[in-house]
Amino acid sequence: MASLSGMGTPKLTSGVGNLYYDSILPYREDANSQTREFLARVVDVLLDFVQQVNDRNEKIVEFKMPEEMQKMLDLQLPENPLPLKQLLEDCKITLRHQVKTGHPHFFNQLSCGLDIISLAGEWLTAAANTNMFTYEIAPVFILMENVVLEKMRSMIGWKSGDSILAPGGSVSNLYAFLAARHHKFPQYKEKGLSSIPGQLVMFTSDQCHYSVKSCASVGGLGTDYCVCVPSDERGRMIASELERLVRYHRDQGHVPFFVNATSGTTVLGAFDPLTDIADICQKYDMWMHVDAAWGGGLLFSKKYRHPRLTGIERADSVTWNPHKLMGTLLQCSTVHFKYEGILLSCNAMSAEYLFMTDKIYDPRYDTGDKVIQCGRHNDIFKLWLQWRGKGTSGFERLMDRLMELSEYMVRRIREQSDKFHLILEPEMVNVSFWYLPKQLRGVPHDANKEIKLGKVCAKLKGRMMQAGTIMVGYQPDDRRPNFFRNIISSAAVTEKDVDFLLAEMDRLGHDIVVD
């Protein structure tokens, strides 16, 4: 494949390569040409990496053990400055050893792929280098944020409300927790624990993301009062168990106030029954939060939205991460609320040195007092530009395509049942399965065999890393030992890549022997 940069190995001319940081902008006003040459070569390095990421003949990673990698790299911070040619070389070396998470054979994480338009947006964002706390310093980006978040709320099914971009789904879930407590006990903000009439209790599925339990710790409830509700064999919260546990804690004198429902669990990709959970929340006056960080992208799809996300409009808050299924570059996480103004009411500290009320524009456009962070990275432009490029219909086609590819993988696994064991029919793009080396083929499936299959996962993943040709994640859950969890969330993946994945797993693992 030809180099995107149009160069062999990007190099600086000697006249620029031997310069130092203080010989380019902003230190020298007459250094436009030198600055342009340096940045152009850095861009060439980036373009060549983009090309490598999309080249199926390239490895995903040249894996080295941490000790070996440490010896190979010069990571020391020097006392004196280094020349620009060394900094360019540092850029090359860094990417040379980086995992190519946008490679079509990378199936390891929820966030896969390398969306080129979103990448362009991230480059512009870095050049603009502004904070998102006031309209005064981020006017265009603040307006973009308002437009995009309003559109996302409308897709959830709300006509009004409040939203913010947060640094990851975990923090988005924390914002929902804080808003729920404030909504029910507004005096807590000033009076703290003395304003609470008893022990608060929150509820979530035993398959939820760990960040939900973290909310109980950070928010002062204690993890003992984050009650894990049993799930069914497909990983979905059992609504009748939720109601039983709510009644139990209410009878103990506790105060049930918050339920987290998950739309797209991290491991199995399960969707909790939102309508049933909404009925229970309404009956017992509890806040309903939906963690759709993973599954929220299916809101675009007429084909796959229902029944998975049916009832999401009844939630009080929703976490939705575009950097997952939608393919927006990391990081891009949103949290949405049904109630207008709740973020400001919950989080505002009214710091007069930053959030003055006598500005020449309407201070309601300032977002800094809505959040607990103050400083906030610009995560909106890459999403806005990507949405402009794809259109809403383009995102719908992407969601449908990813789901169809996962269905294709399920069919291919079933067609090779001597080599692969499908654990369950997926609701999303998480395909959970075991690989069977020759040693375990034809052996009756029982608990002892599952233990051995779990051992195969670790050995085969090790071989994957050494070969660098494919990457798939594995993990145990509360019902079974280690199993593979394949994720298809990259627009680059095709049916041929799925076939390559299964064939490569067999090539690498057919002779594995376990005790």
Protein backbone atom coordinates (compact mmCIF):
# COMPACT_ATOMS: atom_id res chain seq x y z
CA MET A 1 0.00 0.00 0.00
CA ALA A 2 1.38 3.41 -0.95
CA SER A 3 2.37 5.75 1.84
CA LEU A 4 -0.26 8.36 2.64
CA SER A 5 2.45 10.89 3.37
CA GLY A 6 3.93 10.38 -0.11
CA MET A 7 7.34 10.00 1.53
CA GLY A 8 9.62 7.15 2.46
CA THR A 9 10.60 7.83 6.04
CA PRO A 10 9.63 11.39 7.04
CA LYS A 11 12.78 13.40 7.77
CA LEU A 12 13.63 17.02 8.49
CA THR A 13 16.20 18.91 6.50
CA SER A 14 19.42 19.37 8.43
CA GLY A 15 18.75 23.08 8.74
CA VAL A 16 15.54 22.47 10.65
CA GLY A 17 16.35 19.13 12.23
CA ASN A 18 19.23 20.62 14.22
CA LEU A 19 17.11 23.47 15.59
CA TYR A 20 15.61 23.50 19.08
CA TYR A 21 12.21 24.45 20.48
CA ASP A 22 13.14 28.12 20.80
CA SER A 23 13.87 28.42 17.09
CA ILE A 24 10.22 27.89 16.04
CA LEU A 25 6.91 29.51 16.90
CA PRO A 26 5.96 30.99 19.31
CA TYR A 27 9.51 31.82 20.42
CA ARG A 28 10.54 33.33 17.07
CA GLU A 29 8.10 35.35 15.02
CA ASP A 30 10.17 34.90 11.85
CA ALA A 31 10.15 31.08 12.09
CA ASN A 32 7.04 30.28 10.01
CA SER A 33 8.89 28.14 7.47
CA GLN A 34 10.82 26.18 10.10
CA THR A 35 7.64 25.61 12.12
CA ARG A 36 5.74 24.51 9.01
CA GLU A 37 8.45 22.01 8.05
CA PHE A 38 8.56 20.48 11.53
CA LEU A 39 4.78 20.13 11.81
CA ALA A 40 4.49 18.86 8.23
CA ARG A 41 6.91 16.04 8.99
CA VAL A 42 5.01 15.19 12.17
CA VAL A 43 1.82 15.04 10.09
CA ASP A 44 3.64 12.74 7.65
CA VAL A 45 4.44 10.41 10.54
CA LEU A 46 0.77 10.44 11.54
CA LEU A 47 -0.41 9.82 7.98
CA ASP A 48 1.92 6.86 7.63
CA PHE A 49 0.56 5.44 10.87
CA VAL A 50 -3.02 5.85 9.59
CA GLN A 51 -1.99 3.93 6.47
CA GLN A 52 -0.41 1.15 8.56
CA VAL A 53 -3.51 0.90 10.75
CA ASN A 54 -5.63 0.21 7.66
CA ASP A 55 -3.18 -2.25 6.07
CA ARG A 56 -4.28 -5.82 6.79
CA ASN A 57 -0.75 -7.04 6.07
CA GLU A 58 0.57 -5.00 8.99
CA LYS A 59 0.70 -6.52 12.45
CA ILE A 60 -1.48 -5.05 15.17
CA VAL A 61 1.45 -4.96 17.55
CA GLU A 62 5.09 -5.98 17.84
CA PHE A 63 4.67 -7.16 21.41
CA LYS A 64 7.49 -6.81 23.90
CA MET A 65 7.47 -7.63 27.60
CA PRO A 66 7.52 -4.50 29.83
CA GLU A 67 11.14 -5.06 30.91
CA GLU A 68 12.32 -5.48 27.32
CA MET A 69 10.34 -2.45 26.16
CA GLN A 70 11.81 -0.36 28.95
CA LYS A 71 15.33 -1.25 27.80
CA MET A 72 14.53 -0.50 24.15
CA LEU A 73 13.11 2.96 24.71
CA ASP A 74 14.76 6.16 25.83
CA LEU A 75 12.05 7.65 28.04
CA GLN A 76 14.29 9.80 30.22
CA LEU A 77 13.56 13.51 30.63
CA PRO A 78 16.77 15.40 29.77
CA GLU A 79 18.26 18.31 31.64
CA ASN A 80 18.94 20.14 28.36
CA PRO A 81 16.68 20.41 25.27
CA LEU A 82 16.85 17.95 22.42
CA PRO A 83 16.82 18.97 18.72
CA LEU A 84 13.71 18.79 16.57
CA LYS A 85 15.05 15.80 14.61
CA GLN A 86 15.13 13.78 17.85
CA LEU A 87 11.57 14.83 18.69
CA LEU A 88 10.43 13.65 15.26
CA GLU A 89 12.21 10.36 15.85
CA ASP A 90 10.48 10.07 19.23
CA CYS A 91 7.13 10.39 17.43
CA LYS A 92 8.05 7.59 15.02
CA ILE A 93 9.28 5.27 17.75
CA THR A 94 6.21 5.86 19.90
CA LEU A 95 3.82 4.87 17.11
CA ARG A 96 6.04 1.98 16.03
CA HIS A 97 5.39 0.26 19.35
CA GLN A 98 1.77 1.35 19.80
CA VAL A 99 -1.07 -1.16 19.46
CA LYS A 100 -3.01 -0.37 16.26
CA THR A 101 -6.47 -0.24 17.80
CA GLY A 102 -7.96 0.86 14.47
CA HIS A 103 -6.66 -2.24 12.66
CA PRO A 104 -9.44 -4.38 11.09
CA HIS A 105 -8.18 -7.38 13.09
CA PHE A 106 -8.35 -5.63 16.48
CA PHE A 107 -11.45 -6.97 18.28
CA ASN A 108 -10.19 -6.47 21.82
CA GLN A 109 -12.01 -3.44 23.24
CA LEU A 110 -15.38 -1.70 23.07
CA SER A 111 -13.61 1.28 21.46
CA CYS A 112 -12.13 0.06 18.16
CA GLY A 113 -11.49 1.66 14.81
CA LEU A 114 -10.02 4.92 13.53
CA ASP A 115 -12.68 7.22 12.09
CA ILE A 116 -10.80 9.60 9.77
CA ILE A 117 -13.26 12.50 10.01
CA SER A 118 -13.31 12.30 13.80
CA LEU A 119 -9.52 12.17 13.69
CA ALA A 120 -9.47 15.39 11.69
CA GLY A 121 -11.72 16.91 14.33
CA GLU A 122 -9.36 15.85 17.10
CA TRP A 123 -6.41 17.43 15.31
CA LEU A 124 -8.30 20.73 15.03
CA THR A 125 -9.32 20.47 18.68
CA ALA A 126 -5.69 20.12 19.74
CA ALA A 127 -4.68 23.15 17.66
CA ALA A 128 -7.50 25.27 19.13
CA ASN A 129 -6.41 24.19 22.65
CA THR A 130 -9.23 25.81 24.57
CA ASN A 131 -11.18 25.04 27.71
CA MET A 132 -14.89 24.40 27.65
CA PHE A 133 -15.94 26.24 30.79
CA THR A 134 -17.10 29.55 29.25
CA TYR A 135 -18.58 30.84 26.01
CA GLU A 136 -16.03 33.63 26.31
CA ILE A 137 -13.15 31.35 25.29
CA ALA A 138 -14.97 28.57 23.37
CA PRO A 139 -17.90 30.25 21.61
CA VAL A 140 -18.22 27.97 18.57
CA PHE A 141 -17.61 24.78 20.53
CA ILE A 142 -20.18 25.71 23.21
CA LEU A 143 -22.83 26.26 20.54
CA MET A 144 -21.89 22.99 18.84
CA GLU A 145 -22.22 21.19 22.14
CA ASN A 146 -25.72 22.59 22.67
CA VAL A 147 -26.85 21.48 19.20
CA VAL A 148 -25.42 17.95 19.43
CA LEU A 149 -26.62 17.28 22.98
CA GLU A 150 -30.12 18.55 22.19
CA LYS A 151 -30.22 16.16 19.21
CA MET A 152 -29.11 13.25 21.39
CA ARG A 153 -31.78 14.04 24.00
CA SER A 154 -34.42 14.07 21.27
CA MET A 155 -33.22 10.63 20.13
CA ILE A 156 -33.67 9.36 23.70
CA GLY A 157 -37.24 10.68 23.51
CA TRP A 158 -37.15 13.91 25.52
CA LYS A 159 -38.32 17.34 24.37
CA SER A 160 -36.16 19.21 26.88
CA GLY A 161 -33.56 18.54 29.55
CA ASP A 162 -29.90 19.02 30.35
CA SER A 163 -26.67 17.37 29.18
CA ILE A 164 -22.89 17.59 29.41
CA LEU A 165 -19.83 15.89 27.98
CA ALA A 166 -17.77 14.22 30.68
CA PRO A 167 -14.34 12.50 30.79
CA GLY A 168 -15.61 8.95 30.29
CA GLY A 169 -18.66 6.88 31.12
CA SER A 170 -17.59 6.38 34.73
CA VAL A 171 -17.74 10.12 35.41
CA SER A 172 -20.97 10.38 33.43
CA ASN A 173 -22.50 7.79 35.75
CA LEU A 174 -21.20 9.75 38.75
CA TYR A 175 -22.91 12.90 37.45
CA ALA A 176 -26.17 10.94 37.26
CA PHE A 177 -25.75 9.68 40.83
CA LEU A 178 -25.06 13.17 42.16
CA ALA A 179 -28.03 14.62 40.28
CA ALA A 180 -30.33 11.89 41.60
CA ARG A 181 -29.34 12.57 45.20
CA HIS A 182 -29.70 16.31 44.69
CA HIS A 183 -33.10 15.87 43.07
CA LYS A 184 -34.43 13.92 46.03
CA PHE A 185 -32.52 15.74 48.78
CA PRO A 186 -31.60 19.25 47.54
CA GLN A 187 -30.42 20.24 51.03
CA TYR A 188 -27.61 17.71 50.83
CA LYS A 189 -25.50 20.16 48.85
CA GLU A 190 -25.21 22.51 51.84
CA LYS A 191 -26.11 20.32 54.83
CA GLY A 192 -24.54 17.01 53.85
CA LEU A 193 -25.50 13.80 55.63
CA SER A 194 -27.63 15.61 58.21
CA SER A 195 -30.22 16.25 55.50
CA ILE A 196 -30.75 12.56 54.79
CA PRO A 197 -33.54 10.83 56.75
CA GLY A 198 -31.86 7.41 56.67
CA GLN A 199 -29.36 5.21 54.88
CA LEU A 200 -29.53 5.77 51.13
CA VAL A 201 -29.51 2.63 48.99
CA MET A 202 -28.89 2.29 45.27
CA PHE A 203 -29.53 -0.73 43.04
CA THR A 204 -27.84 -2.08 39.95
CA SER A 205 -27.47 -5.32 38.03
CA ASP A 206 -24.74 -7.76 39.07
CA GLN A 207 -23.50 -7.39 35.46
CA CYS A 208 -23.14 -3.61 35.57
CA HIS A 209 -19.97 -1.63 34.94
CA TYR A 210 -17.85 -1.33 38.08
CA SER A 211 -18.13 2.47 37.95
CA VAL A 212 -21.69 2.23 39.28
CA LYS A 213 -20.43 0.64 42.49
CA SER A 214 -17.70 3.26 42.56
CA CYS A 215 -20.43 5.93 42.76
CA ALA A 216 -21.51 4.47 46.10
CA SER A 217 -17.96 4.74 47.39
CA VAL A 218 -17.20 8.21 46.06
CA GLY A 219 -20.66 9.53 46.94
CA GLY A 220 -20.48 8.42 50.56
CA LEU A 221 -23.09 5.63 50.60
CA GLY A 222 -20.53 2.88 50.98
CA THR A 223 -20.36 -0.05 48.60
CA ASP A 224 -22.42 -2.21 50.97
CA TYR A 225 -25.38 -0.03 50.04
CA CYS A 226 -24.94 -0.49 46.31
CA VAL A 227 -27.17 -3.54 46.04
CA CYS A 228 -26.43 -5.91 43.17
CA VAL A 229 -29.61 -7.32 41.66
CA PRO A 230 -29.36 -10.85 40.21
CA SER A 231 -29.42 -11.22 36.44
CA ASP A 232 -30.78 -13.99 34.25
CA GLU A 233 -28.70 -16.40 32.19
CA ARG A 234 -28.40 -13.78 29.43
CA GLY A 235 -27.04 -11.14 31.81
CA ARG A 236 -30.23 -9.04 32.11
CA MET A 237 -31.44 -7.68 35.44
CA ILE A 238 -34.37 -9.66 36.85
CA ALA A 239 -37.02 -7.01 37.52
CA SER A 240 -38.88 -9.08 40.11
CA GLU A 241 -35.63 -9.40 42.10
CA LEU A 242 -35.16 -5.64 41.94
CA GLU A 243 -38.59 -5.07 43.45
CA ARG A 244 -37.98 -7.70 46.13
CA LEU A 245 -34.72 -6.04 47.18
CA VAL A 246 -36.23 -2.55 47.13
CA ARG A 247 -39.05 -3.71 49.42
CA TYR A 248 -36.57 -5.46 51.71
CA HIS A 249 -34.42 -2.36 52.19
CA ARG A 250 -37.44 -0.12 52.57
CA ASP A 251 -38.71 -2.42 55.32
CA GLN A 252 -35.29 -2.11 57.00
CA GLY A 253 -35.80 1.64 57.28
CA HIS A 254 -33.42 2.43 54.43
CA VAL A 255 -34.11 4.94 51.66
CA PRO A 256 -34.05 3.37 48.16
CA PHE A 257 -33.47 6.27 45.77
CA PHE A 258 -31.47 5.24 42.66
CA VAL A 259 -31.62 2.39 40.16
CA ASN A 260 -29.04 1.89 37.45
CA ALA A 261 -30.21 -0.09 34.43
CA THR A 262 -27.61 -1.14 31.88
CA SER A 263 -28.21 -1.00 28.14
CA GLY A 264 -25.30 -3.00 26.78
CA THR A 265 -23.30 -4.66 29.56
CA THR A 266 -19.54 -4.64 29.15
CA VAL A 267 -19.04 -8.39 28.92
CA LEU A 268 -22.18 -9.97 27.45
CA GLY A 269 -23.73 -6.89 25.83
CA ALA A 270 -27.01 -7.48 27.68
CA PHE A 271 -29.90 -5.01 27.87
CA ASP A 272 -31.86 -4.72 31.11
CA PRO A 273 -35.70 -4.62 30.75
CA LEU A 274 -36.18 -0.84 30.88
CA THR A 275 -39.97 -0.71 30.88
CA ASP A 276 -40.26 -3.12 33.83
CA ILE A 277 -37.55 -1.25 35.73
CA ALA A 278 -39.24 2.10 34.99
CA ASP A 279 -42.51 0.77 36.44
CA ILE A 280 -40.73 -0.19 39.66
CA CYS A 281 -38.90 3.15 39.90
CA GLN A 282 -42.18 4.98 39.45
CA LYS A 283 -43.92 2.82 42.04
CA TYR A 284 -41.25 3.40 44.71
CA ASP A 285 -40.29 6.97 43.78
CA MET A 286 -36.71 6.17 42.70
CA TRP A 287 -34.49 7.85 40.13
CA MET A 288 -33.92 5.69 37.06
CA HIS A 289 -30.55 5.98 35.35
CA VAL A 290 -29.70 4.08 32.18
CA ASP A 291 -26.04 3.34 31.57
CA ALA A 292 -26.14 3.13 27.78
CA ALA A 293 -22.47 4.02 27.44
CA TRP A 294 -22.05 0.94 25.26
CA GLY A 295 -25.48 0.32 23.76
CA GLY A 296 -26.63 3.91 23.23
CA GLY A 297 -25.53 3.94 19.60
CA LEU A 298 -28.39 1.58 18.73
CA LEU A 299 -30.76 4.52 19.27
CA PHE A 300 -29.89 5.37 15.65
CA SER A 301 -31.19 2.05 14.34
CA LYS A 302 -34.84 1.50 13.48
CA LYS A 303 -34.04 -2.20 13.08
CA TYR A 304 -32.21 -2.82 16.36
CA ARG A 305 -33.38 -0.09 18.78
CA HIS A 306 -36.43 -2.08 19.82
CA PRO A 307 -36.87 -4.01 22.01
CA ARG A 308 -33.38 -3.42 23.43
CA LEU A 309 -33.89 0.26 24.29
CA THR A 310 -37.66 0.32 24.56
CA GLY A 311 -38.59 2.47 27.56
CA ILE A 312 -35.38 4.51 27.69
CA GLU A 313 -37.45 7.67 27.37
CA ARG A 314 -38.84 6.96 30.86
CA ALA A 315 -35.40 7.27 32.45
CA ASP A 316 -34.39 10.32 34.47
CA SER A 317 -30.80 10.22 33.13
CA VAL A 318 -28.83 8.40 30.45
CA THR A 319 -25.11 7.85 29.88
CA TRP A 320 -24.18 7.47 26.20
CA ASN A 321 -20.59 7.20 24.90
CA PRO A 322 -20.09 8.11 21.23
CA HIS A 323 -16.49 6.89 21.53
CA LYS A 324 -17.77 3.33 21.72
CA LEU A 325 -20.27 2.03 19.17
CA MET A 326 -20.40 5.26 17.12
CA GLY A 327 -16.63 5.20 16.59
CA THR A 328 -15.91 8.78 17.68
CA LEU A 329 -12.30 9.11 18.79
CA LEU A 330 -11.51 8.74 22.48
CA GLN A 331 -12.69 10.24 24.60
CA CYS A 332 -16.26 11.31 24.01
CA SER A 333 -18.83 10.55 26.69
CA THR A 334 -22.18 12.23 27.30
CA VAL A 335 -24.69 12.21 30.13
CA HIS A 336 -28.25 13.44 29.67
CA PHE A 337 -31.00 14.47 32.09
CA LYS A 338 -34.73 14.80 31.67
CA TYR A 339 -34.80 17.90 33.89
CA GLU A 340 -33.65 21.27 32.58
CA GLY A 341 -31.21 23.09 34.85
CA ILE A 342 -30.45 20.16 37.14
CA LEU A 343 -26.69 20.19 36.48
CA LEU A 344 -26.35 23.83 37.51
CA SER A 345 -28.59 23.37 40.54
CA CYS A 346 -26.63 20.30 41.66
CA ASN A 347 -23.05 21.38 40.97
CA ALA A 348 -22.83 25.19 40.83
CA MET A 349 -20.35 26.82 43.20
CA SER A 350 -20.78 30.31 41.65
CA ALA A 351 -17.09 31.20 41.60
CA GLU A 352 -17.24 34.92 40.87
CA TYR A 353 -13.71 35.08 39.49
CA LEU A 354 -14.80 32.90 36.55
CA PHE A 355 -18.59 32.75 36.30
CA MET A 356 -19.55 36.40 36.58
CA THR A 357 -23.22 37.26 36.05
CA ASP A 358 -22.62 40.70 34.51
CA LYS A 359 -20.91 39.56 31.28
CA ILE A 360 -21.87 41.16 27.98
CA TYR A 361 -23.48 37.88 26.84
CA ASP A 362 -26.06 35.61 28.48
CA PRO A 363 -24.05 33.69 31.14
CA ARG A 364 -26.32 30.69 30.69
CA TYR A 365 -24.05 29.77 27.79
CA ASP A 366 -21.21 29.15 30.26
CA THR A 367 -20.98 25.47 31.18
CA GLY A 368 -18.21 25.43 33.80
CA ASP A 369 -20.52 25.77 36.80
CA LYS A 370 -22.63 22.82 35.62
CA VAL A 371 -19.80 20.37 36.30
CA ILE A 372 -17.57 19.32 39.19
CA GLN A 373 -14.41 19.62 37.10
CA CYS A 374 -13.93 23.32 36.22
CA GLY A 375 -11.46 22.58 33.40
CA ARG A 376 -13.09 20.48 30.68
CA HIS A 377 -11.56 19.16 27.47
CA ASN A 378 -13.17 19.95 24.14
CA ASP A 379 -14.67 16.59 23.17
CA ILE A 380 -17.44 17.99 20.97
CA PHE A 381 -15.81 19.04 17.70
CA LYS A 382 -14.70 15.57 16.62
CA LEU A 383 -18.25 14.28 17.24
CA TRP A 384 -19.94 17.23 15.54
CA LEU A 385 -17.68 16.95 12.48
CA GLN A 386 -18.15 13.18 12.31
CA TRP A 387 -21.95 13.59 12.54
CA ARG A 388 -21.86 16.22 9.77
CA GLY A 389 -19.81 13.83 7.65
CA LYS A 390 -21.98 10.74 8.20
CA GLY A 391 -25.35 12.31 8.75
CA THR A 392 -27.82 10.64 11.08
CA SER A 393 -28.59 8.13 8.33
CA GLY A 394 -24.90 7.23 8.08
CA PHE A 395 -24.77 6.38 11.77
CA GLU A 396 -27.87 4.24 11.34
CA ARG A 397 -26.19 2.32 8.50
CA LEU A 398 -23.08 1.87 10.65
CA MET A 399 -25.08 0.49 13.60
CA ASP A 400 -26.93 -1.94 11.33
CA ARG A 401 -23.69 -3.03 9.66
CA LEU A 402 -21.93 -3.75 12.97
CA MET A 403 -24.88 -5.80 14.20
CA GLU A 404 -25.08 -7.72 10.92
CA LEU A 405 -21.37 -8.53 11.08
CA SER A 406 -21.84 -9.89 14.60
CA GLU A 407 -24.72 -12.03 13.35
CA TYR A 408 -22.43 -13.27 10.58
CA MET A 409 -19.80 -14.22 13.16
CA VAL A 410 -22.38 -16.18 15.14
CA ARG A 411 -23.31 -18.11 11.99
CA ARG A 412 -19.67 -18.88 11.21
CA ILE A 413 -19.07 -20.09 14.78
CA ARG A 414 -22.07 -22.41 14.54
CA GLU A 415 -20.81 -23.75 11.22
CA GLN A 416 -17.52 -24.69 12.93
CA SER A 417 -18.97 -26.18 16.11
CA ASP A 418 -16.09 -28.64 16.34
CA LYS A 419 -13.69 -25.72 16.92
CA PHE A 420 -15.85 -23.08 18.59
CA HIS A 421 -18.56 -23.14 21.25
CA LEU A 422 -21.03 -20.23 21.25
CA ILE A 423 -21.94 -19.36 24.83
CA LEU A 424 -25.15 -17.45 24.08
CA GLU A 425 -27.00 -15.66 21.30
CA PRO A 426 -25.80 -12.05 21.61
CA GLU A 427 -28.08 -9.04 21.87
CA MET A 428 -25.34 -6.75 20.64
CA VAL A 429 -21.89 -6.90 19.02
CA ASN A 430 -20.38 -8.81 21.96
CA VAL A 431 -19.90 -12.39 20.76
CA SER A 432 -19.00 -14.70 23.66
CA PHE A 433 -17.47 -18.08 22.86
CA TRP A 434 -14.81 -20.68 23.63
CA TYR A 435 -12.17 -21.97 21.25
CA LEU A 436 -11.61 -25.75 21.27
CA PRO A 437 -8.10 -27.00 20.47
CA LYS A 438 -7.75 -30.53 19.11
CA GLN A 439 -7.28 -31.91 22.64
CA LEU A 440 -10.86 -30.93 23.60
CA ARG A 441 -12.75 -31.65 20.39
CA GLY A 442 -15.30 -34.41 20.70
CA VAL A 443 -15.10 -34.29 24.52
CA PRO A 444 -18.57 -34.06 26.16
CA HIS A 445 -19.34 -30.54 27.36
CA ASP A 446 -19.45 -30.34 31.15
CA ALA A 447 -18.12 -28.19 34.00
CA ASN A 448 -14.70 -29.84 33.88
CA LYS A 449 -14.38 -29.16 30.16
CA GLU A 450 -15.34 -25.51 30.74
CA ILE A 451 -12.50 -25.17 33.25
CA LYS A 452 -10.08 -26.45 30.61
CA LEU A 453 -11.55 -24.17 27.96
CA GLY A 454 -10.96 -21.28 30.35
CA LYS A 455 -7.28 -22.21 30.54
CA VAL A 456 -7.12 -22.32 26.75
CA CYS A 457 -8.17 -18.66 26.61
CA ALA A 458 -5.13 -17.40 28.50
CA LYS A 459 -2.72 -19.52 26.46
CA LEU A 460 -4.26 -18.57 23.13
CA LYS A 461 -4.33 -14.87 24.03
CA GLY A 462 -0.63 -15.09 24.82
CA ARG A 463 0.03 -16.57 21.38
CA MET A 464 -2.06 -13.82 19.78
CA MET A 465 0.04 -11.16 21.47
CA GLN A 466 3.28 -12.80 20.39
CA ALA A 467 2.09 -13.21 16.79
CA GLY A 468 0.56 -9.73 16.65
CA THR A 469 -1.95 -10.75 13.99
CA ILE A 470 -5.23 -10.58 15.94
CA MET A 471 -6.41 -9.35 19.33
CA VAL A 472 -9.53 -10.57 21.14
CA GLY A 473 -10.30 -10.08 24.83
CA TYR A 474 -11.16 -12.76 27.36
CA GLN A 475 -12.52 -12.76 30.90
CA PRO A 476 -14.52 -14.89 33.35
CA ASP A 477 -17.94 -14.04 34.74
CA ASP A 478 -19.91 -15.28 37.73
CA ARG A 479 -21.29 -18.27 35.79
CA ARG A 480 -18.27 -19.55 33.89
CA PRO A 481 -14.47 -19.49 33.71
CA ASN A 482 -12.54 -17.49 31.10
CA PHE A 483 -14.16 -17.13 27.69
CA PHE A 484 -13.49 -14.96 24.64
CA ARG A 485 -15.52 -11.79 24.12
CA ASN A 486 -15.22 -10.56 20.55
CA ILE A 487 -16.20 -6.96 19.80
CA ILE A 488 -17.08 -5.63 16.36
CA SER A 489 -17.32 -1.85 16.67
CA SER A 490 -14.96 -0.77 13.88
CA ALA A 491 -16.25 0.41 10.52
CA ALA A 492 -13.18 -1.20 8.93
CA VAL A 493 -14.28 -4.78 9.67
CA THR A 494 -15.67 -6.99 6.89
CA GLU A 495 -16.88 -10.59 6.67
CA LYS A 496 -13.41 -11.55 5.43
CA ASP A 497 -11.91 -10.13 8.63
CA VAL A 498 -14.28 -12.24 10.73
CA ASP A 499 -13.28 -15.32 8.75
CA PHE A 500 -9.60 -14.43 9.18
CA LEU A 501 -10.10 -14.04 12.93
CA LEU A 502 -11.58 -17.52 13.35
CA ALA A 503 -9.04 -19.13 11.05
CA GLU A 504 -6.14 -17.40 12.80
CA MET A 505 -7.38 -18.47 16.22
CA ASP A 506 -7.36 -22.05 14.95
CA ARG A 507 -3.91 -21.69 13.39
CA LEU A 508 -2.46 -20.29 16.62
CA GLY A 509 -4.31 -22.53 19.02
CA HIS A 510 -5.05 -25.93 17.51
CA ASP A 511 -2.16 -27.64 19.34
CA ILE A 512 -2.73 -26.08 22.77
CA VAL A 513 -2.79 -28.67 25.57
CA VAL A 514 -4.14 -27.90 29.04
CA ASP A 515 -4.27 -29.91 32.27
